[in-house]
Amino acid sequence: MRTRSFLLLLLPLLIGSCSYLPEKQEPSSAVTIYDYREYIEINPTINNYSKTGLVFYPGGLVDPHSYIEPLSKFAISGKGHKIIIVKMPGNLAILDSNQGAWIFNDFPDVEQWVVAGHSLGGVMACSLVEKYPSFFVGMVLMAAYPQKSASLKDWPNPVLSLRGEHDLLVDSLKLASFKDYLPEPFYLKTPDDMPLDRKARTDYYTIPGGNHSQFGNYGMQKGDGTATITKDQQAETVAFMILKFFISNSWEYDN
């Protein structure tokens, strides 16, 4: 009922809207990309990549192809990682938050998964984890937070929460107002502050100069603040932070 109410609140915003389309994508030549009906698969060209993969939920009304180039930066970081960008009906994860629950069955070479999402995609990724808490070993939120109806306060796995300094759509006060629905908060002043352990904790980090829109390559989102770093710089920071998150939880080399 609460999910239905949330959707009804969104409908006035969605009527007459269209998806944000991807800008020109120039992913690294070190990845191979497969575009299927239900998802986009990004693989490092090296064969011996990490056994921990990433399932990603796009932002609301954002074409999933918009995330290929920025997420490719993480795919080739460290040991390398398989990434699955889930395609949503109408480019809205709220219409099927379970879409990513079974996709990874297609990839037996990956032993465990972290789920991630941007904006509304992150909200729905939280709903997915609330329904299937044992399916994922961790979560990455990009300018996103859980609803009260999908509280993950007692989820025994770690979370990384990222936002841009100039994000006017999801500011630090909004994230703070939802922190009680995530594991214990820990605020990082620098990436090096991330502890090397496997605790159930939410690591918060604000990307200096970043904004909401530059988590993907789809142009400027209405109402967002102006970034003072480039899209490439923000994507590099995101990739680095996720890699640090993987290393801190021993997902990079222990399987």
C-alpha atoms as a PDB file:
ATOM      1  CA  MET A   1       0.000   0.000   0.000  1.00  0.00           C
ATOM      2  CA  ARG A   2       2.798   2.422   0.855  1.00  0.00           C
ATOM      3  CA  THR A   3       4.575   1.715  -2.446  1.00  0.00           C
ATOM      4  CA  ARG A   4       1.324   2.398  -4.304  1.00  0.00           C
ATOM      5  CA  SER A   5       0.881   5.669  -2.408  1.00  0.00           C
ATOM      6  CA  PHE A   6       4.466   6.653  -3.216  1.00  0.00           C
ATOM      7  CA  LEU A   7       3.777   6.008  -6.919  1.00  0.00           C
ATOM      8  CA  LEU A   8       0.592   8.093  -6.810  1.00  0.00           C
ATOM      9  CA  LEU A   9       2.586  10.979  -5.379  1.00  0.00           C
ATOM     10  CA  LEU A  10       5.034  10.679  -8.255  1.00  0.00           C
ATOM     11  CA  LEU A  11       2.480  10.510 -11.043  1.00  0.00           C
ATOM     12  CA  PRO A  12       1.932  14.296 -11.333  1.00  0.00           C
ATOM     13  CA  LEU A  13       5.679  14.669 -11.826  1.00  0.00           C
ATOM     14  CA  LEU A  14       5.811  11.945 -14.461  1.00  0.00           C
ATOM     15  CA  ILE A  15       2.860  12.960 -16.606  1.00  0.00           C
ATOM     16  CA  GLY A  16       4.204  14.618 -19.718  1.00  0.00           C
ATOM     17  CA  SER A  17       7.778  13.686 -18.824  1.00  0.00           C
ATOM     18  CA  CYS A  18      10.140  11.715 -21.010  1.00  0.00           C
ATOM     19  CA  SER A  19      13.297   9.833 -20.232  1.00  0.00           C
ATOM     20  CA  TYR A  20      16.674  11.519 -19.981  1.00  0.00           C
ATOM     21  CA  LEU A  21      18.562  10.161 -22.964  1.00  0.00           C
ATOM     22  CA  PRO A  22      22.256   9.241 -22.893  1.00  0.00           C
ATOM     23  CA  GLU A  23      24.859  11.638 -24.153  1.00  0.00           C
ATOM     24  CA  LYS A  24      27.655  10.299 -26.313  1.00  0.00           C
ATOM     25  CA  GLN A  25      29.241   7.316 -24.590  1.00  0.00           C
ATOM     26  CA  GLU A  26      32.941   6.532 -24.862  1.00  0.00           C
ATOM     27  CA  PRO A  27      33.528   3.572 -22.543  1.00  0.00           C
ATOM     28  CA  SER A  28      37.004   2.182 -22.094  1.00  0.00           C
ATOM     29  CA  SER A  29      38.293  -0.271 -24.685  1.00  0.00           C
ATOM     30  CA  ALA A  30      39.169  -2.471 -21.685  1.00  0.00           C
ATOM     31  CA  VAL A  31      35.499  -3.502 -21.286  1.00  0.00           C
ATOM     32  CA  THR A  32      33.156  -5.606 -23.402  1.00  0.00           C
ATOM     33  CA  ILE A  33      29.493  -4.553 -23.430  1.00  0.00           C
ATOM     34  CA  TYR A  34      26.490  -6.745 -24.198  1.00  0.00           C
ATOM     35  CA  ASP A  35      23.084  -5.089 -24.582  1.00  0.00           C
ATOM     36  CA  TYR A  36      20.180  -7.458 -23.859  1.00  0.00           C
ATOM     37  CA  ARG A  37      16.434  -6.917 -23.487  1.00  0.00           C
ATOM     38  CA  GLU A  38      16.474  -7.010 -19.679  1.00  0.00           C
ATOM     39  CA  TYR A  39      19.915  -5.641 -18.862  1.00  0.00           C
ATOM     40  CA  ILE A  40      23.249  -4.287 -20.049  1.00  0.00           C
ATOM     41  CA  GLU A  41      26.274  -6.422 -19.168  1.00  0.00           C
ATOM     42  CA  ILE A  42      29.697  -4.793 -18.739  1.00  0.00           C
ATOM     43  CA  ASN A  43      32.712  -7.102 -18.508  1.00  0.00           C
ATOM     44  CA  PRO A  44      36.399  -6.367 -18.108  1.00  0.00           C
ATOM     45  CA  THR A  45      38.270  -7.826 -21.058  1.00  0.00           C
ATOM     46  CA  ILE A  46      40.567  -9.654 -18.621  1.00  0.00           C
ATOM     47  CA  ASN A  47      39.254 -13.083 -17.657  1.00  0.00           C
ATOM     48  CA  ASN A  48      40.394 -13.264 -14.035  1.00  0.00           C
ATOM     49  CA  TYR A  49      38.215 -10.522 -12.567  1.00  0.00           C
ATOM     50  CA  SER A  50      36.683 -10.295  -9.083  1.00  0.00           C
ATOM     51  CA  LYS A  51      34.059 -12.837  -8.060  1.00  0.00           C
ATOM     52  CA  THR A  52      32.005 -10.000  -6.543  1.00  0.00           C
ATOM     53  CA  GLY A  53      29.847  -8.202  -9.114  1.00  0.00           C
ATOM     54  CA  LEU A  54      27.635  -5.113  -9.133  1.00  0.00           C
ATOM     55  CA  VAL A  55      23.916  -4.945 -10.016  1.00  0.00           C
ATOM     56  CA  PHE A  56      22.855  -1.363 -10.786  1.00  0.00           C
ATOM     57  CA  TYR A  57      19.424   0.355 -10.798  1.00  0.00           C
ATOM     58  CA  PRO A  58      19.279   3.542 -12.965  1.00  0.00           C
ATOM     59  CA  GLY A  59      17.730   6.798 -11.791  1.00  0.00           C
ATOM     60  CA  GLY A  60      14.075   7.564 -12.487  1.00  0.00           C
ATOM     61  CA  LEU A  61      13.339   8.317 -16.155  1.00  0.00           C
ATOM     62  CA  VAL A  62      17.035   7.968 -17.016  1.00  0.00           C
ATOM     63  CA  ASP A  63      17.904   5.725 -19.968  1.00  0.00           C
ATOM     64  CA  PRO A  64      20.059   2.874 -18.579  1.00  0.00           C
ATOM     65  CA  HIS A  65      22.647   3.366 -21.349  1.00  0.00           C
ATOM     66  CA  SER A  66      23.514   6.688 -19.680  1.00  0.00           C
ATOM     67  CA  TYR A  67      25.501   4.803 -17.046  1.00  0.00           C
ATOM     68  CA  ILE A  68      27.660   2.654 -19.325  1.00  0.00           C
ATOM     69  CA  GLU A  69      30.663   4.972 -19.495  1.00  0.00           C
ATOM     70  CA  PRO A  70      30.815   6.005 -15.810  1.00  0.00           C
ATOM     71  CA  LEU A  71      30.241   2.465 -14.507  1.00  0.00           C
ATOM     72  CA  SER A  72      32.851   1.125 -16.919  1.00  0.00           C
ATOM     73  CA  LYS A  73      35.417   3.017 -14.872  1.00  0.00           C
ATOM     74  CA  PHE A  74      34.616   0.811 -11.911  1.00  0.00           C
ATOM     75  CA  ALA A  75      34.479  -2.312 -14.086  1.00  0.00           C
ATOM     76  CA  ILE A  76      38.177  -1.899 -14.922  1.00  0.00           C
ATOM     77  CA  SER A  77      39.312  -0.721 -11.475  1.00  0.00           C
ATOM     78  CA  GLY A  78      41.257  -2.966  -9.118  1.00  0.00           C
ATOM     79  CA  LYS A  79      40.958  -6.605 -10.111  1.00  0.00           C
ATOM     80  CA  GLY A  80      38.033  -5.820 -12.448  1.00  0.00           C
ATOM     81  CA  HIS A  81      34.296  -6.364 -11.908  1.00  0.00           C
ATOM     82  CA  LYS A  82      31.257  -7.543 -13.853  1.00  0.00           C
ATOM     83  CA  ILE A  83      28.463  -4.948 -13.833  1.00  0.00           C
ATOM     84  CA  ILE A  84      24.808  -5.506 -14.705  1.00  0.00           C
ATOM     85  CA  ILE A  85      22.728  -2.383 -15.436  1.00  0.00           C
ATOM     86  CA  VAL A  86      19.093  -3.396 -15.036  1.00  0.00           C
ATOM     87  CA  LYS A  87      16.570  -2.113 -17.585  1.00  0.00           C
ATOM     88  CA  MET A  88      13.288  -0.979 -16.030  1.00  0.00           C
ATOM     89  CA  PRO A  89       9.798  -0.684 -17.541  1.00  0.00           C
ATOM     90  CA  GLY A  90       9.320   2.930 -18.587  1.00  0.00           C
ATOM     91  CA  ASN A  91      12.807   3.627 -17.169  1.00  0.00           C
ATOM     92  CA  LEU A  92      11.235   3.641 -13.710  1.00  0.00           C
ATOM     93  CA  ALA A  93      12.503   1.180 -11.120  1.00  0.00           C
ATOM     94  CA  ILE A  94       9.418   1.862  -9.010  1.00  0.00           C
ATOM     95  CA  LEU A  95       7.335  -0.026 -11.599  1.00  0.00           C
ATOM     96  CA  ASP A  96       9.276  -3.243 -10.912  1.00  0.00           C
ATOM     97  CA  SER A  97      11.688  -3.036  -7.998  1.00  0.00           C
ATOM     98  CA  ASN A  98      12.213  -6.814  -8.156  1.00  0.00           C
ATOM     99  CA  GLN A  99      13.694  -6.672 -11.649  1.00  0.00           C
ATOM    100  CA  GLY A 100      17.228  -7.247 -10.375  1.00  0.00           C
ATOM    101  CA  ALA A 101      16.408 -10.064  -7.958  1.00  0.00           C
ATOM    102  CA  TRP A 102      17.072 -12.946 -10.317  1.00  0.00           C
ATOM    103  CA  ILE A 103      19.122 -11.521 -13.179  1.00  0.00           C
ATOM    104  CA  PHE A 104      22.424 -12.563 -11.651  1.00  0.00           C
ATOM    105  CA  ASN A 105      21.410 -16.233 -11.969  1.00  0.00           C
ATOM    106  CA  ASP A 106      22.620 -15.818 -15.559  1.00  0.00           C
ATOM    107  CA  PHE A 107      26.202 -15.338 -14.308  1.00  0.00           C
ATOM    108  CA  PRO A 108      27.444 -18.358 -12.333  1.00  0.00           C
ATOM    109  CA  ASP A 109      31.045 -17.120 -12.658  1.00  0.00           C
ATOM    110  CA  VAL A 110      30.229 -14.393 -10.103  1.00  0.00           C
ATOM    111  CA  GLU A 111      29.867 -15.732  -6.566  1.00  0.00           C
ATOM    112  CA  GLN A 112      28.320 -12.739  -4.773  1.00  0.00           C
ATOM    113  CA  TRP A 113      26.764  -9.400  -5.614  1.00  0.00           C
ATOM    114  CA  VAL A 114      26.568  -5.824  -4.396  1.00  0.00           C
ATOM    115  CA  VAL A 115      23.473  -3.858  -5.447  1.00  0.00           C
ATOM    116  CA  ALA A 116      23.686  -0.165  -6.331  1.00  0.00           C
ATOM    117  CA  GLY A 117      21.311   2.529  -7.486  1.00  0.00           C
ATOM    118  CA  HIS A 118      21.146   6.199  -8.408  1.00  0.00           C
ATOM    119  CA  SER A 119      18.384   8.474  -7.113  1.00  0.00           C
ATOM    120  CA  LEU A 120      14.994   6.716  -7.454  1.00  0.00           C
ATOM    121  CA  GLY A 121      16.899   3.624  -8.580  1.00  0.00           C
ATOM    122  CA  GLY A 122      18.675   3.645  -5.237  1.00  0.00           C
ATOM    123  CA  VAL A 123      15.372   3.982  -3.374  1.00  0.00           C
ATOM    124  CA  MET A 124      14.090   0.900  -5.193  1.00  0.00           C
ATOM    125  CA  ALA A 125      17.361  -0.962  -4.640  1.00  0.00           C
ATOM    126  CA  CYS A 126      16.684  -0.521  -0.922  1.00  0.00           C
ATOM    127  CA  SER A 127      13.216  -2.019  -1.421  1.00  0.00           C
ATOM    128  CA  LEU A 128      14.814  -4.952  -3.247  1.00  0.00           C
ATOM    129  CA  VAL A 129      17.222  -5.593  -0.376  1.00  0.00           C
ATOM    130  CA  GLU A 130      14.396  -5.311   2.165  1.00  0.00           C
ATOM    131  CA  LYS A 131      12.526  -8.076   0.304  1.00  0.00           C
ATOM    132  CA  TYR A 132      15.583 -10.247  -0.400  1.00  0.00           C
ATOM    133  CA  PRO A 133      18.124  -9.392   2.327  1.00  0.00           C
ATOM    134  CA  SER A 134      20.307 -12.462   1.724  1.00  0.00           C
ATOM    135  CA  PHE A 135      20.734 -11.891  -2.022  1.00  0.00           C
ATOM    136  CA  PHE A 136      23.390  -9.170  -1.683  1.00  0.00           C
ATOM    137  CA  VAL A 137      26.507  -8.701   0.456  1.00  0.00           C
ATOM    138  CA  GLY A 138      26.474  -4.887   0.288  1.00  0.00           C
ATOM    139  CA  MET A 139      24.861  -1.837  -1.270  1.00  0.00           C
ATOM    140  CA  VAL A 140      25.986   1.429  -2.904  1.00  0.00           C
ATOM    141  CA  LEU A 141      23.583   4.372  -2.887  1.00  0.00           C
ATOM    142  CA  MET A 142      24.185   7.336  -5.185  1.00  0.00           C
ATOM    143  CA  ALA A 143      22.089  10.323  -4.041  1.00  0.00           C
ATOM    144  CA  ALA A 144      19.519   7.914  -2.625  1.00  0.00           C
ATOM    145  CA  TYR A 145      18.004   6.617   0.606  1.00  0.00           C
ATOM    146  CA  PRO A 146      15.434   4.020   1.728  1.00  0.00           C
ATOM    147  CA  GLN A 147      11.793   4.676   2.457  1.00  0.00           C
ATOM    148  CA  LYS A 148      10.517   3.983   5.984  1.00  0.00           C
ATOM    149  CA  SER A 149       8.583   1.021   4.580  1.00  0.00           C
ATOM    150  CA  ALA A 150      11.880  -0.541   3.439  1.00  0.00           C
ATOM    151  CA  SER A 151      14.011   0.095   6.508  1.00  0.00           C
ATOM    152  CA  LEU A 152      17.411  -1.621   6.440  1.00  0.00           C
ATOM    153  CA  LYS A 153      18.492  -0.532   9.917  1.00  0.00           C
ATOM    154  CA  ASP A 154      19.039  -4.133  10.994  1.00  0.00           C
ATOM    155  CA  TRP A 155      20.444  -5.384   7.686  1.00  0.00           C
ATOM    156  CA  PRO A 156      23.771  -7.068   8.631  1.00  0.00           C
ATOM    157  CA  ASN A 157      25.706  -5.811   5.616  1.00  0.00           C
ATOM    158  CA  PRO A 158      27.598  -2.597   4.759  1.00  0.00           C
ATOM    159  CA  VAL A 159      26.336   0.352   2.729  1.00  0.00           C
ATOM    160  CA  LEU A 160      28.196   3.124   0.884  1.00  0.00           C
ATOM    161  CA  SER A 161      26.200   6.345   0.442  1.00  0.00           C
ATOM    162  CA  LEU A 162      27.547   8.900  -2.056  1.00  0.00           C
ATOM    163  CA  ARG A 163      26.252  12.358  -3.010  1.00  0.00           C
ATOM    164  CA  GLY A 164      27.603  15.353  -4.868  1.00  0.00           C
ATOM    165  CA  GLU A 165      28.475  18.551  -3.024  1.00  0.00           C
ATOM    166  CA  HIS A 166      26.235  20.638  -5.326  1.00  0.00           C
ATOM    167  CA  ASP A 167      23.311  18.192  -5.499  1.00  0.00           C
ATOM    168  CA  LEU A 168      20.159  20.282  -5.017  1.00  0.00           C
ATOM    169  CA  LEU A 169      17.819  17.314  -5.465  1.00  0.00           C
ATOM    170  CA  VAL A 170      19.178  15.167  -2.617  1.00  0.00           C
ATOM    171  CA  ASP A 171      21.024  17.337  -0.121  1.00  0.00           C
ATOM    172  CA  SER A 172      22.853  16.259   3.022  1.00  0.00           C
ATOM    173  CA  LEU A 173      19.898  17.182   5.251  1.00  0.00           C
ATOM    174  CA  LYS A 174      17.594  14.875   3.304  1.00  0.00           C
ATOM    175  CA  LEU A 175      20.077  12.005   3.583  1.00  0.00           C
ATOM    176  CA  ALA A 176      20.432  12.666   7.300  1.00  0.00           C
ATOM    177  CA  SER A 177      16.655  12.537   7.770  1.00  0.00           C
ATOM    178  CA  PHE A 178      16.621   8.944   6.457  1.00  0.00           C
ATOM    179  CA  LYS A 179      19.776   7.687   8.189  1.00  0.00           C
ATOM    180  CA  ASP A 180      17.753   5.794  10.798  1.00  0.00           C
ATOM    181  CA  TYR A 181      16.587   3.402   8.053  1.00  0.00           C
ATOM    182  CA  LEU A 182      20.143   2.305   7.247  1.00  0.00           C
ATOM    183  CA  PRO A 183      22.881   0.631   9.315  1.00  0.00           C
ATOM    184  CA  GLU A 184      24.879   2.780  11.753  1.00  0.00           C
ATOM    185  CA  PRO A 185      26.247   5.927  10.020  1.00  0.00           C
ATOM    186  CA  PHE A 186      29.919   6.757   9.620  1.00  0.00           C
ATOM    187  CA  TYR A 187      30.871  10.028   7.925  1.00  0.00           C
ATOM    188  CA  LEU A 188      33.991  10.060   5.776  1.00  0.00           C
ATOM    189  CA  LYS A 189      35.870  13.340   5.444  1.00  0.00           C
ATOM    190  CA  THR A 190      38.259  11.752   2.939  1.00  0.00           C
ATOM    191  CA  PRO A 191      38.239   8.402   1.102  1.00  0.00           C
ATOM    192  CA  ASP A 192      41.130   7.270   3.303  1.00  0.00           C
ATOM    193  CA  ASP A 193      38.868   7.463   6.366  1.00  0.00           C
ATOM    194  CA  MET A 194      37.010   4.303   5.279  1.00  0.00           C
ATOM    195  CA  PRO A 195      37.763   1.610   7.895  1.00  0.00           C
ATOM    196  CA  LEU A 196      39.106  -1.756   6.758  1.00  0.00           C
ATOM    197  CA  ASP A 197      36.520  -4.079   8.261  1.00  0.00           C
ATOM    198  CA  ARG A 198      33.314  -5.936   7.467  1.00  0.00           C
ATOM    199  CA  LYS A 199      30.958  -4.156   9.867  1.00  0.00           C
ATOM    200  CA  ALA A 200      27.331  -3.452   9.089  1.00  0.00           C
ATOM    201  CA  ARG A 201      27.735   0.298   8.703  1.00  0.00           C
ATOM    202  CA  THR A 202      26.740   3.072   6.303  1.00  0.00           C
ATOM    203  CA  ASP A 203      29.744   5.045   5.055  1.00  0.00           C
ATOM    204  CA  TYR A 204      28.651   8.527   3.891  1.00  0.00           C
ATOM    205  CA  TYR A 205      30.851  10.516   1.516  1.00  0.00           C
ATOM    206  CA  THR A 206      30.203  13.819  -0.266  1.00  0.00           C
ATOM    207  CA  ILE A 207      32.016  14.179  -3.606  1.00  0.00           C
ATOM    208  CA  PRO A 208      33.642  17.637  -3.705  1.00  0.00           C
ATOM    209  CA  GLY A 209      32.342  19.623  -6.677  1.00  0.00           C
ATOM    210  CA  GLY A 210      29.883  16.911  -7.773  1.00  0.00           C
ATOM    211  CA  ASN A 211      26.147  17.124  -8.384  1.00  0.00           C
ATOM    212  CA  HIS A 212      23.151  14.804  -8.912  1.00  0.00           C
ATOM    213  CA  SER A 213      23.166  14.532 -12.703  1.00  0.00           C
ATOM    214  CA  GLN A 214      26.807  13.573 -13.150  1.00  0.00           C
ATOM    215  CA  PHE A 215      26.359  10.107 -11.688  1.00  0.00           C
ATOM    216  CA  GLY A 216      25.288   9.340 -15.259  1.00  0.00           C
ATOM    217  CA  ASN A 217      25.858  10.796 -18.730  1.00  0.00           C
ATOM    218  CA  TYR A 218      22.432  12.234 -19.563  1.00  0.00           C
ATOM    219  CA  GLY A 219      22.856  15.980 -19.292  1.00  0.00           C
ATOM    220  CA  MET A 220      21.620  18.378 -16.640  1.00  0.00           C
ATOM    221  CA  GLN A 221      18.624  17.253 -14.590  1.00  0.00           C
ATOM    222  CA  LYS A 222      16.002  19.895 -13.835  1.00  0.00           C
ATOM    223  CA  GLY A 223      16.485  21.454 -10.407  1.00  0.00           C
ATOM    224  CA  ASP A 224      20.022  20.209  -9.929  1.00  0.00           C
ATOM    225  CA  GLY A 225      22.966  22.359  -8.865  1.00  0.00           C
ATOM    226  CA  THR A 226      25.915  23.172 -11.110  1.00  0.00           C
ATOM    227  CA  ALA A 227      28.912  20.902 -10.677  1.00  0.00           C
ATOM    228  CA  THR A 228      32.389  22.392 -10.410  1.00  0.00           C
ATOM    229  CA  ILE A 229      34.092  19.193 -11.574  1.00  0.00           C
ATOM    230  CA  THR A 230      33.663  17.389 -14.892  1.00  0.00           C
ATOM    231  CA  LYS A 231      31.527  14.307 -15.458  1.00  0.00           C
ATOM    232  CA  ASP A 232      34.696  12.305 -15.968  1.00  0.00           C
ATOM    233  CA  GLN A 233      36.152  13.521 -12.661  1.00  0.00           C
ATOM    234  CA  GLN A 234      32.961  12.631 -10.806  1.00  0.00           C
ATOM    235  CA  ALA A 235      32.848   9.193 -12.424  1.00  0.00           C
ATOM    236  CA  GLU A 236      36.491   8.592 -11.480  1.00  0.00           C
ATOM    237  CA  THR A 237      35.725   9.505  -7.863  1.00  0.00           C
ATOM    238  CA  VAL A 238      32.683   7.216  -7.782  1.00  0.00           C
ATOM    239  CA  ALA A 239      34.709   4.319  -9.196  1.00  0.00           C
ATOM    240  CA  PHE A 240      37.479   4.932  -6.672  1.00  0.00           C
ATOM    241  CA  MET A 241      35.054   5.075  -3.735  1.00  0.00           C
ATOM    242  CA  ILE A 242      33.309   1.855  -4.751  1.00  0.00           C
ATOM    243  CA  LEU A 243      36.689   0.161  -5.136  1.00  0.00           C
ATOM    244  CA  LYS A 244      37.663   1.362  -1.635  1.00  0.00           C
ATOM    245  CA  PHE A 245      34.348  -0.023  -0.386  1.00  0.00           C
ATOM    246  CA  PHE A 246      35.080  -3.415  -1.976  1.00  0.00           C
ATOM    247  CA  ILE A 247      38.590  -3.487  -0.534  1.00  0.00           C
ATOM    248  CA  SER A 248      37.414  -2.479   2.951  1.00  0.00           C
ATOM    249  CA  ASN A 249      35.026  -5.441   2.959  1.00  0.00           C
ATOM    250  CA  SER A 250      37.542  -7.915   1.510  1.00  0.00           C
ATOM    251  CA  TRP A 251      35.494  -8.474  -1.656  1.00  0.00           C
ATOM    252  CA  GLU A 252      38.299  -7.575  -4.014  1.00  0.00           C
ATOM    253  CA  TYR A 253      40.743 -10.461  -3.576  1.00  0.00           C
ATOM    254  CA  ASP A 254      39.314 -12.993  -1.145  1.00  0.00           C
ATOM    255  CA  ASN A 255      37.290 -15.131  -3.543  1.00  0.00           C
END
